[in-house]
Amino acid sequence: MTENTTPEARREAAAEPAADQPMLYWNVPVLFHSLGLELPEEDREAHIAEVAREVWVGGTDFQRDTVASWYRDIARTAAAAGAVYSGFLLGGLDDGRISTGTLVIQVDQVDTADAEAVAGSIEELLSLEPANEVFTVDAPVGPVVVAAYGTVNEFDDGEGGRARLELAGATAYIPVPQADTLVTMTVSTPTLSEFADYMTALATVVESVELVRPGEQRVAPALSRESADRITEMFG
């Protein structure tokens, strides 16, 4: 991942609404591999197995089966939480290390007639947690509250001991004005040195959120250099 780049993106959308309701779209950088939350569970299993083969093309069957199991757990947890998108990134860094992270997007029905007031309430609530770094920015779709944080997860290391996994994460809360919709986007990574790049990826997705009302034309997915510079300023 390279700072200040403008990645190619896939156009994603929330669940199809009724014909007379607005539709939400956003761009997901192609570096993220979708875990197929929109698919029936049996089709998702096959999709995840294919993703594991694609990402670990040079790996062993054991590696592919292991990561496929991990991806299934991530997808299952995200689906149970009501997420509409879950994806992961796995890439090599210049020094030979691996950078990995996840992106989860959730859409909930919330009264957003006064999006500024909703954003203010969210910021106030999130600020009660001292570990959060909370700020509000303006995106094309409306106000966005961002909380950046760190977590430590402990788990059995398989040898009778405990292992620790440090994660850096950031969540963007987007109360979409006049749409009664709250979009929540979260990135997380154990590759702490690359967290700034994941924040940029999150900002890129936030910047791309578009509400298309019935009768309106959807704008072709594109990210200008001006937008890319603004993203760096927004979340930098």
C-alpha atoms as a PDB file:
ATOM      1  CA  MET A   1       0.000   0.000   0.000  1.00  0.00           C
ATOM      2  CA  THR A   2       1.410   3.387  -0.967  1.00  0.00           C
ATOM      3  CA  GLU A   3       0.552   6.674   0.649  1.00  0.00           C
ATOM      4  CA  ASN A   4      -1.235   9.292  -1.461  1.00  0.00           C
ATOM      5  CA  THR A   5      -2.210   6.855  -4.223  1.00  0.00           C
ATOM      6  CA  THR A   6      -5.594   6.677  -5.916  1.00  0.00           C
ATOM      7  CA  PRO A   7      -6.487   2.958  -5.973  1.00  0.00           C
ATOM      8  CA  GLU A   8      -8.764   1.334  -8.486  1.00  0.00           C
ATOM      9  CA  ALA A   9     -12.107   0.471  -6.952  1.00  0.00           C
ATOM     10  CA  ARG A  10     -15.146  -1.747  -7.352  1.00  0.00           C
ATOM     11  CA  ARG A  11     -18.617  -0.242  -7.031  1.00  0.00           C
ATOM     12  CA  GLU A  12     -20.541  -1.791  -4.143  1.00  0.00           C
ATOM     13  CA  ALA A  13     -24.067  -1.087  -2.945  1.00  0.00           C
ATOM     14  CA  ALA A  14     -26.311  -1.602   0.027  1.00  0.00           C
ATOM     15  CA  ALA A  15     -29.169  -4.084  -0.251  1.00  0.00           C
ATOM     16  CA  GLU A  16     -31.589  -3.288  -3.074  1.00  0.00           C
ATOM     17  CA  PRO A  17     -34.370  -1.036  -1.691  1.00  0.00           C
ATOM     18  CA  ALA A  18     -37.946  -0.657  -2.857  1.00  0.00           C
ATOM     19  CA  ALA A  19     -38.364   1.041  -6.234  1.00  0.00           C
ATOM     20  CA  ASP A  20     -39.354   4.368  -4.655  1.00  0.00           C
ATOM     21  CA  GLN A  21     -36.469   4.429  -2.149  1.00  0.00           C
ATOM     22  CA  PRO A  22     -32.959   5.904  -2.574  1.00  0.00           C
ATOM     23  CA  MET A  23     -29.968   3.624  -3.137  1.00  0.00           C
ATOM     24  CA  LEU A  24     -26.556   3.872  -1.469  1.00  0.00           C
ATOM     25  CA  TYR A  25     -23.333   3.135  -3.351  1.00  0.00           C
ATOM     26  CA  TRP A  26     -19.662   3.223  -2.424  1.00  0.00           C
ATOM     27  CA  ASN A  27     -16.310   2.244  -3.913  1.00  0.00           C
ATOM     28  CA  VAL A  28     -14.204  -0.521  -2.362  1.00  0.00           C
ATOM     29  CA  PRO A  29     -10.499  -0.504  -3.356  1.00  0.00           C
ATOM     30  CA  VAL A  30      -9.670  -3.582  -5.431  1.00  0.00           C
ATOM     31  CA  LEU A  31      -6.914  -4.452  -2.955  1.00  0.00           C
ATOM     32  CA  PHE A  32      -9.694  -5.758  -0.702  1.00  0.00           C
ATOM     33  CA  HIS A  33     -11.053  -9.240  -1.427  1.00  0.00           C
ATOM     34  CA  SER A  34     -14.787  -9.557  -0.746  1.00  0.00           C
ATOM     35  CA  LEU A  35     -15.881 -12.438   1.478  1.00  0.00           C
ATOM     36  CA  GLY A  36     -19.232 -12.612  -0.317  1.00  0.00           C
ATOM     37  CA  LEU A  37     -21.702 -11.594   2.399  1.00  0.00           C
ATOM     38  CA  GLU A  38     -24.291 -10.956  -0.306  1.00  0.00           C
ATOM     39  CA  LEU A  39     -24.202 -14.637  -1.328  1.00  0.00           C
ATOM     40  CA  PRO A  40     -26.258 -17.513   0.115  1.00  0.00           C
ATOM     41  CA  GLU A  41     -24.206 -19.368   2.724  1.00  0.00           C
ATOM     42  CA  GLU A  42     -23.501 -22.398   0.513  1.00  0.00           C
ATOM     43  CA  ASP A  43     -22.336 -20.149  -2.342  1.00  0.00           C
ATOM     44  CA  ARG A  44     -20.250 -18.110   0.089  1.00  0.00           C
ATOM     45  CA  GLU A  45     -18.352 -21.263   1.097  1.00  0.00           C
ATOM     46  CA  ALA A  46     -17.321 -21.875  -2.510  1.00  0.00           C
ATOM     47  CA  HIS A  47     -16.483 -18.194  -3.019  1.00  0.00           C
ATOM     48  CA  ILE A  48     -14.211 -18.092   0.048  1.00  0.00           C
ATOM     49  CA  ALA A  49     -12.436 -21.276  -1.043  1.00  0.00           C
ATOM     50  CA  GLU A  50     -11.808 -19.660  -4.437  1.00  0.00           C
ATOM     51  CA  VAL A  51     -10.521 -16.460  -2.795  1.00  0.00           C
ATOM     52  CA  ALA A  52      -8.140 -18.522  -0.636  1.00  0.00           C
ATOM     53  CA  ARG A  53      -6.805 -20.273  -3.746  1.00  0.00           C
ATOM     54  CA  GLU A  54      -6.377 -16.934  -5.519  1.00  0.00           C
ATOM     55  CA  VAL A  55      -4.598 -15.175  -2.643  1.00  0.00           C
ATOM     56  CA  TRP A  56      -2.458 -18.181  -1.673  1.00  0.00           C
ATOM     57  CA  VAL A  57      -1.761 -19.376  -5.206  1.00  0.00           C
ATOM     58  CA  GLY A  58       1.819 -20.244  -4.254  1.00  0.00           C
ATOM     59  CA  GLY A  59       0.922 -21.778  -0.900  1.00  0.00           C
ATOM     60  CA  THR A  60       0.203 -25.295   0.274  1.00  0.00           C
ATOM     61  CA  ASP A  61      -3.198 -26.959   0.568  1.00  0.00           C
ATOM     62  CA  PHE A  62      -2.857 -26.667   4.353  1.00  0.00           C
ATOM     63  CA  GLN A  63      -2.279 -22.900   4.115  1.00  0.00           C
ATOM     64  CA  ARG A  64      -5.218 -22.440   1.787  1.00  0.00           C
ATOM     65  CA  ASP A  65      -7.541 -24.556   3.956  1.00  0.00           C
ATOM     66  CA  THR A  66      -6.412 -22.736   7.114  1.00  0.00           C
ATOM     67  CA  VAL A  67      -6.943 -19.237   5.748  1.00  0.00           C
ATOM     68  CA  ALA A  68     -10.248 -20.282   4.162  1.00  0.00           C
ATOM     69  CA  SER A  69     -11.425 -21.354   7.622  1.00  0.00           C
ATOM     70  CA  TRP A  70     -10.297 -17.992   9.017  1.00  0.00           C
ATOM     71  CA  TYR A  71     -12.091 -16.099   6.241  1.00  0.00           C
ATOM     72  CA  ARG A  72     -15.270 -18.101   6.889  1.00  0.00           C
ATOM     73  CA  ASP A  73     -15.156 -17.108  10.568  1.00  0.00           C
ATOM     74  CA  ILE A  74     -14.717 -13.438   9.644  1.00  0.00           C
ATOM     75  CA  ALA A  75     -17.616 -13.604   7.183  1.00  0.00           C
ATOM     76  CA  ARG A  76     -19.854 -15.462   9.633  1.00  0.00           C
ATOM     77  CA  THR A  77     -19.212 -12.917  12.394  1.00  0.00           C
ATOM     78  CA  ALA A  78     -19.816  -9.985  10.053  1.00  0.00           C
ATOM     79  CA  ALA A  79     -23.022 -11.520   8.687  1.00  0.00           C
ATOM     80  CA  ALA A  80     -24.319 -12.188  12.211  1.00  0.00           C
ATOM     81  CA  ALA A  81     -23.712  -8.519  13.048  1.00  0.00           C
ATOM     82  CA  GLY A  82     -25.786  -7.459  10.044  1.00  0.00           C
ATOM     83  CA  ALA A  83     -22.903  -6.294   7.855  1.00  0.00           C
ATOM     84  CA  VAL A  84     -23.510  -5.860   4.130  1.00  0.00           C
ATOM     85  CA  TYR A  85     -19.833  -6.098   3.153  1.00  0.00           C
ATOM     86  CA  SER A  86     -16.776  -7.786   4.619  1.00  0.00           C
ATOM     87  CA  GLY A  87     -13.414  -7.952   2.906  1.00  0.00           C
ATOM     88  CA  PHE A  88      -9.748  -8.394   3.673  1.00  0.00           C
ATOM     89  CA  LEU A  89      -6.440  -7.196   2.300  1.00  0.00           C
ATOM     90  CA  LEU A  90      -3.279  -9.269   2.165  1.00  0.00           C
ATOM     91  CA  GLY A  91      -0.225  -7.774   0.523  1.00  0.00           C
ATOM     92  CA  GLY A  92       3.549  -7.710   0.635  1.00  0.00           C
ATOM     93  CA  LEU A  93       5.559  -4.732   1.861  1.00  0.00           C
ATOM     94  CA  ASP A  94       8.887  -3.527   0.491  1.00  0.00           C
ATOM     95  CA  ASP A  95      10.775  -5.051   3.431  1.00  0.00           C
ATOM     96  CA  GLY A  96       9.264  -8.501   2.882  1.00  0.00           C
ATOM     97  CA  ARG A  97       6.674  -8.309   5.655  1.00  0.00           C
ATOM     98  CA  ILE A  98       2.993  -9.032   5.051  1.00  0.00           C
ATOM     99  CA  SER A  99       0.362  -6.351   5.547  1.00  0.00           C
ATOM    100  CA  THR A 100      -3.132  -7.581   6.314  1.00  0.00           C
ATOM    101  CA  GLY A 101      -6.346  -5.888   7.340  1.00  0.00           C
ATOM    102  CA  THR A 102     -10.122  -6.068   7.141  1.00  0.00           C
ATOM    103  CA  LEU A 103     -12.934  -3.781   6.007  1.00  0.00           C
ATOM    104  CA  VAL A 104     -16.486  -4.256   7.298  1.00  0.00           C
ATOM    105  CA  ILE A 105     -19.481  -2.144   6.238  1.00  0.00           C
ATOM    106  CA  GLN A 106     -22.833  -2.110   8.008  1.00  0.00           C
ATOM    107  CA  VAL A 107     -26.057  -0.259   7.165  1.00  0.00           C
ATOM    108  CA  ASP A 108     -28.697   0.387   9.838  1.00  0.00           C
ATOM    109  CA  GLN A 109     -32.008   2.225   9.860  1.00  0.00           C
ATOM    110  CA  VAL A 110     -31.719   5.372  11.994  1.00  0.00           C
ATOM    111  CA  ASP A 111     -33.581   8.684  11.983  1.00  0.00           C
ATOM    112  CA  THR A 112     -31.161  10.978  10.142  1.00  0.00           C
ATOM    113  CA  ALA A 113     -33.492  13.869   9.331  1.00  0.00           C
ATOM    114  CA  ASP A 114     -30.986  16.074  11.193  1.00  0.00           C
ATOM    115  CA  ALA A 115     -27.705  14.404  10.256  1.00  0.00           C
ATOM    116  CA  GLU A 116     -25.603  17.064  11.995  1.00  0.00           C
ATOM    117  CA  ALA A 117     -27.392  16.421  15.292  1.00  0.00           C
ATOM    118  CA  VAL A 118     -26.972  12.657  14.896  1.00  0.00           C
ATOM    119  CA  ALA A 119     -23.262  13.107  14.166  1.00  0.00           C
ATOM    120  CA  GLY A 120     -22.900  15.330  17.230  1.00  0.00           C
ATOM    121  CA  SER A 121     -24.535  12.712  19.450  1.00  0.00           C
ATOM    122  CA  ILE A 122     -22.322   9.956  18.042  1.00  0.00           C
ATOM    123  CA  GLU A 123     -19.182  12.042  18.586  1.00  0.00           C
ATOM    124  CA  GLU A 124     -20.208  12.839  22.158  1.00  0.00           C
ATOM    125  CA  LEU A 125     -20.885   9.171  22.928  1.00  0.00           C
ATOM    126  CA  LEU A 126     -17.649   7.912  21.381  1.00  0.00           C
ATOM    127  CA  SER A 127     -15.633  10.575  23.194  1.00  0.00           C
ATOM    128  CA  LEU A 128     -16.628   9.042  26.533  1.00  0.00           C
ATOM    129  CA  GLU A 129     -14.094   6.278  25.847  1.00  0.00           C
ATOM    130  CA  PRO A 130     -10.671   7.807  26.608  1.00  0.00           C
ATOM    131  CA  ALA A 131      -8.878   5.337  24.320  1.00  0.00           C
ATOM    132  CA  ASN A 132     -10.738   6.663  21.275  1.00  0.00           C
ATOM    133  CA  GLU A 133      -9.400   9.457  19.117  1.00  0.00           C
ATOM    134  CA  VAL A 134     -12.619  10.995  17.803  1.00  0.00           C
ATOM    135  CA  PHE A 135     -13.148  13.673  15.178  1.00  0.00           C
ATOM    136  CA  THR A 136     -15.808  14.770  12.688  1.00  0.00           C
ATOM    137  CA  VAL A 137     -15.200  15.572   9.027  1.00  0.00           C
ATOM    138  CA  ASP A 138     -17.411  16.523   6.102  1.00  0.00           C
ATOM    139  CA  ALA A 139     -17.713  14.142   3.158  1.00  0.00           C
ATOM    140  CA  PRO A 140     -19.735  14.634  -0.045  1.00  0.00           C
ATOM    141  CA  VAL A 141     -22.603  12.594   1.419  1.00  0.00           C
ATOM    142  CA  GLY A 142     -22.658  14.496   4.741  1.00  0.00           C
ATOM    143  CA  PRO A 143     -21.013  14.600   8.188  1.00  0.00           C
ATOM    144  CA  VAL A 144     -18.795  11.685   9.210  1.00  0.00           C
ATOM    145  CA  VAL A 145     -17.690  10.830  12.745  1.00  0.00           C
ATOM    146  CA  VAL A 146     -14.439   8.861  12.928  1.00  0.00           C
ATOM    147  CA  ALA A 147     -13.096   6.979  15.947  1.00  0.00           C
ATOM    148  CA  ALA A 148      -9.554   5.575  15.863  1.00  0.00           C
ATOM    149  CA  TYR A 149      -8.502   3.137  18.561  1.00  0.00           C
ATOM    150  CA  GLY A 150      -6.268   0.249  19.520  1.00  0.00           C
ATOM    151  CA  THR A 151      -7.215  -3.105  21.008  1.00  0.00           C
ATOM    152  CA  VAL A 152      -5.348  -6.082  22.437  1.00  0.00           C
ATOM    153  CA  ASN A 153      -6.803  -9.567  21.962  1.00  0.00           C
ATOM    154  CA  GLU A 154      -5.555 -12.550  23.936  1.00  0.00           C
ATOM    155  CA  PHE A 155      -5.958 -16.135  22.782  1.00  0.00           C
ATOM    156  CA  ASP A 156      -4.631 -19.646  23.385  1.00  0.00           C
ATOM    157  CA  ASP A 157      -1.338 -20.134  21.543  1.00  0.00           C
ATOM    158  CA  GLY A 158      -1.932 -23.887  21.200  1.00  0.00           C
ATOM    159  CA  GLU A 159       0.946 -24.725  23.538  1.00  0.00           C
ATOM    160  CA  GLY A 160      -0.730 -24.032  26.857  1.00  0.00           C
ATOM    161  CA  GLY A 161       0.161 -20.362  26.890  1.00  0.00           C
ATOM    162  CA  ARG A 162      -1.483 -17.103  25.939  1.00  0.00           C
ATOM    163  CA  ALA A 163      -0.666 -14.986  22.910  1.00  0.00           C
ATOM    164  CA  ARG A 164      -1.459 -11.342  22.341  1.00  0.00           C
ATOM    165  CA  LEU A 165      -2.593  -9.717  19.121  1.00  0.00           C
ATOM    166  CA  GLU A 166      -2.539  -5.940  18.934  1.00  0.00           C
ATOM    167  CA  LEU A 167      -4.945  -4.359  16.464  1.00  0.00           C
ATOM    168  CA  ALA A 168      -5.308  -0.784  15.287  1.00  0.00           C
ATOM    169  CA  GLY A 169      -8.755   0.136  14.042  1.00  0.00           C
ATOM    170  CA  ALA A 170     -10.875   3.026  12.867  1.00  0.00           C
ATOM    171  CA  THR A 171     -14.626   3.287  12.390  1.00  0.00           C
ATOM    172  CA  ALA A 172     -16.442   5.900  10.320  1.00  0.00           C
ATOM    173  CA  TYR A 173     -20.081   6.597  11.227  1.00  0.00           C
ATOM    174  CA  ILE A 174     -22.053   8.214   8.406  1.00  0.00           C
ATOM    175  CA  PRO A 175     -25.598   9.413   9.200  1.00  0.00           C
ATOM    176  CA  VAL A 176     -26.840   9.858   5.635  1.00  0.00           C
ATOM    177  CA  PRO A 177     -28.963  13.043   5.530  1.00  0.00           C
ATOM    178  CA  GLN A 178     -32.659  12.585   4.778  1.00  0.00           C
ATOM    179  CA  ALA A 179     -32.226   8.843   4.193  1.00  0.00           C
ATOM    180  CA  ASP A 180     -32.862   7.436   7.698  1.00  0.00           C
ATOM    181  CA  THR A 181     -29.686   5.416   7.281  1.00  0.00           C
ATOM    182  CA  LEU A 182     -26.501   5.080   9.330  1.00  0.00           C
ATOM    183  CA  VAL A 183     -23.570   3.589   7.429  1.00  0.00           C
ATOM    184  CA  THR A 184     -20.737   2.229   9.584  1.00  0.00           C
ATOM    185  CA  MET A 185     -17.366   1.416   8.005  1.00  0.00           C
ATOM    186  CA  THR A 186     -14.538  -0.190   9.985  1.00  0.00           C
ATOM    187  CA  VAL A 187     -10.949  -1.004   9.067  1.00  0.00           C
ATOM    188  CA  SER A 188      -8.593  -2.905  11.346  1.00  0.00           C
ATOM    189  CA  THR A 189      -5.072  -4.266  11.019  1.00  0.00           C
ATOM    190  CA  PRO A 190      -2.408  -5.945  13.161  1.00  0.00           C
ATOM    191  CA  THR A 191       0.202  -4.304  10.911  1.00  0.00           C
ATOM    192  CA  LEU A 192       0.450  -1.228  13.122  1.00  0.00           C
ATOM    193  CA  SER A 193       3.142   0.476  11.048  1.00  0.00           C
ATOM    194  CA  GLU A 194       0.749   0.538   8.075  1.00  0.00           C
ATOM    195  CA  PHE A 195      -2.265   1.900   9.968  1.00  0.00           C
ATOM    196  CA  ALA A 196      -2.015   5.304   8.262  1.00  0.00           C
ATOM    197  CA  ASP A 197      -2.478   3.576   4.908  1.00  0.00           C
ATOM    198  CA  TYR A 198      -5.565   1.762   6.179  1.00  0.00           C
ATOM    199  CA  MET A 199      -6.957   5.085   7.408  1.00  0.00           C
ATOM    200  CA  THR A 200      -6.427   6.438   3.888  1.00  0.00           C
ATOM    201  CA  ALA A 201      -8.256   3.410   2.467  1.00  0.00           C
ATOM    202  CA  LEU A 202     -11.148   4.051   4.867  1.00  0.00           C
ATOM    203  CA  ALA A 203     -11.250   7.719   3.880  1.00  0.00           C
ATOM    204  CA  THR A 204     -11.310   6.695   0.216  1.00  0.00           C
ATOM    205  CA  VAL A 205     -14.405   4.544   0.764  1.00  0.00           C
ATOM    206  CA  VAL A 206     -16.094   7.256   2.853  1.00  0.00           C
ATOM    207  CA  GLU A 207     -15.387   9.871   0.172  1.00  0.00           C
ATOM    208  CA  SER A 208     -17.066   7.661  -2.443  1.00  0.00           C
ATOM    209  CA  VAL A 209     -20.402   7.139  -0.638  1.00  0.00           C
ATOM    210  CA  GLU A 210     -23.205   8.305  -2.903  1.00  0.00           C
ATOM    211  CA  LEU A 211     -26.957   8.458  -2.322  1.00  0.00           C
ATOM    212  CA  VAL A 212     -28.936   8.041  -5.547  1.00  0.00           C
ATOM    213  CA  ARG A 213     -32.612   8.913  -5.330  1.00  0.00           C
ATOM    214  CA  PRO A 214     -35.285   7.518  -7.675  1.00  0.00           C
ATOM    215  CA  GLY A 215     -35.002   9.180 -11.070  1.00  0.00           C
ATOM    216  CA  GLU A 216     -31.410  10.337 -10.514  1.00  0.00           C
ATOM    217  CA  GLN A 217     -28.443   9.091 -12.513  1.00  0.00           C
ATOM    218  CA  ARG A 218     -25.622   7.343 -10.694  1.00  0.00           C
ATOM    219  CA  VAL A 219     -22.237   9.026 -11.116  1.00  0.00           C
ATOM    220  CA  ALA A 220     -19.540   6.811 -12.656  1.00  0.00           C
ATOM    221  CA  PRO A 221     -17.045   5.669  -9.983  1.00  0.00           C
ATOM    222  CA  ALA A 222     -13.978   7.873 -10.126  1.00  0.00           C
ATOM    223  CA  LEU A 223     -11.573   9.496  -7.716  1.00  0.00           C
ATOM    224  CA  SER A 224      -9.873  12.686  -8.802  1.00  0.00           C
ATOM    225  CA  ARG A 225      -6.482  13.862  -7.591  1.00  0.00           C
ATOM    226  CA  GLU A 226      -8.324  16.697  -5.825  1.00  0.00           C
ATOM    227  CA  SER A 227     -10.428  14.122  -3.968  1.00  0.00           C
ATOM    228  CA  ALA A 228      -7.344  12.068  -3.126  1.00  0.00           C
ATOM    229  CA  ASP A 229      -5.628  15.130  -1.665  1.00  0.00           C
ATOM    230  CA  ARG A 230      -8.744  15.967   0.338  1.00  0.00           C
ATOM    231  CA  ILE A 231      -8.853  12.410   1.679  1.00  0.00           C
ATOM    232  CA  THR A 232      -5.325  12.748   3.012  1.00  0.00           C
ATOM    233  CA  GLU A 233      -6.310  16.032   4.643  1.00  0.00           C
ATOM    234  CA  MET A 234      -9.567  14.589   6.034  1.00  0.00           C
ATOM    235  CA  PHE A 235      -8.092  11.593   7.819  1.00  0.00           C
ATOM    236  CA  GLY A 236      -4.433  12.576   7.912  1.00  0.00           C
END
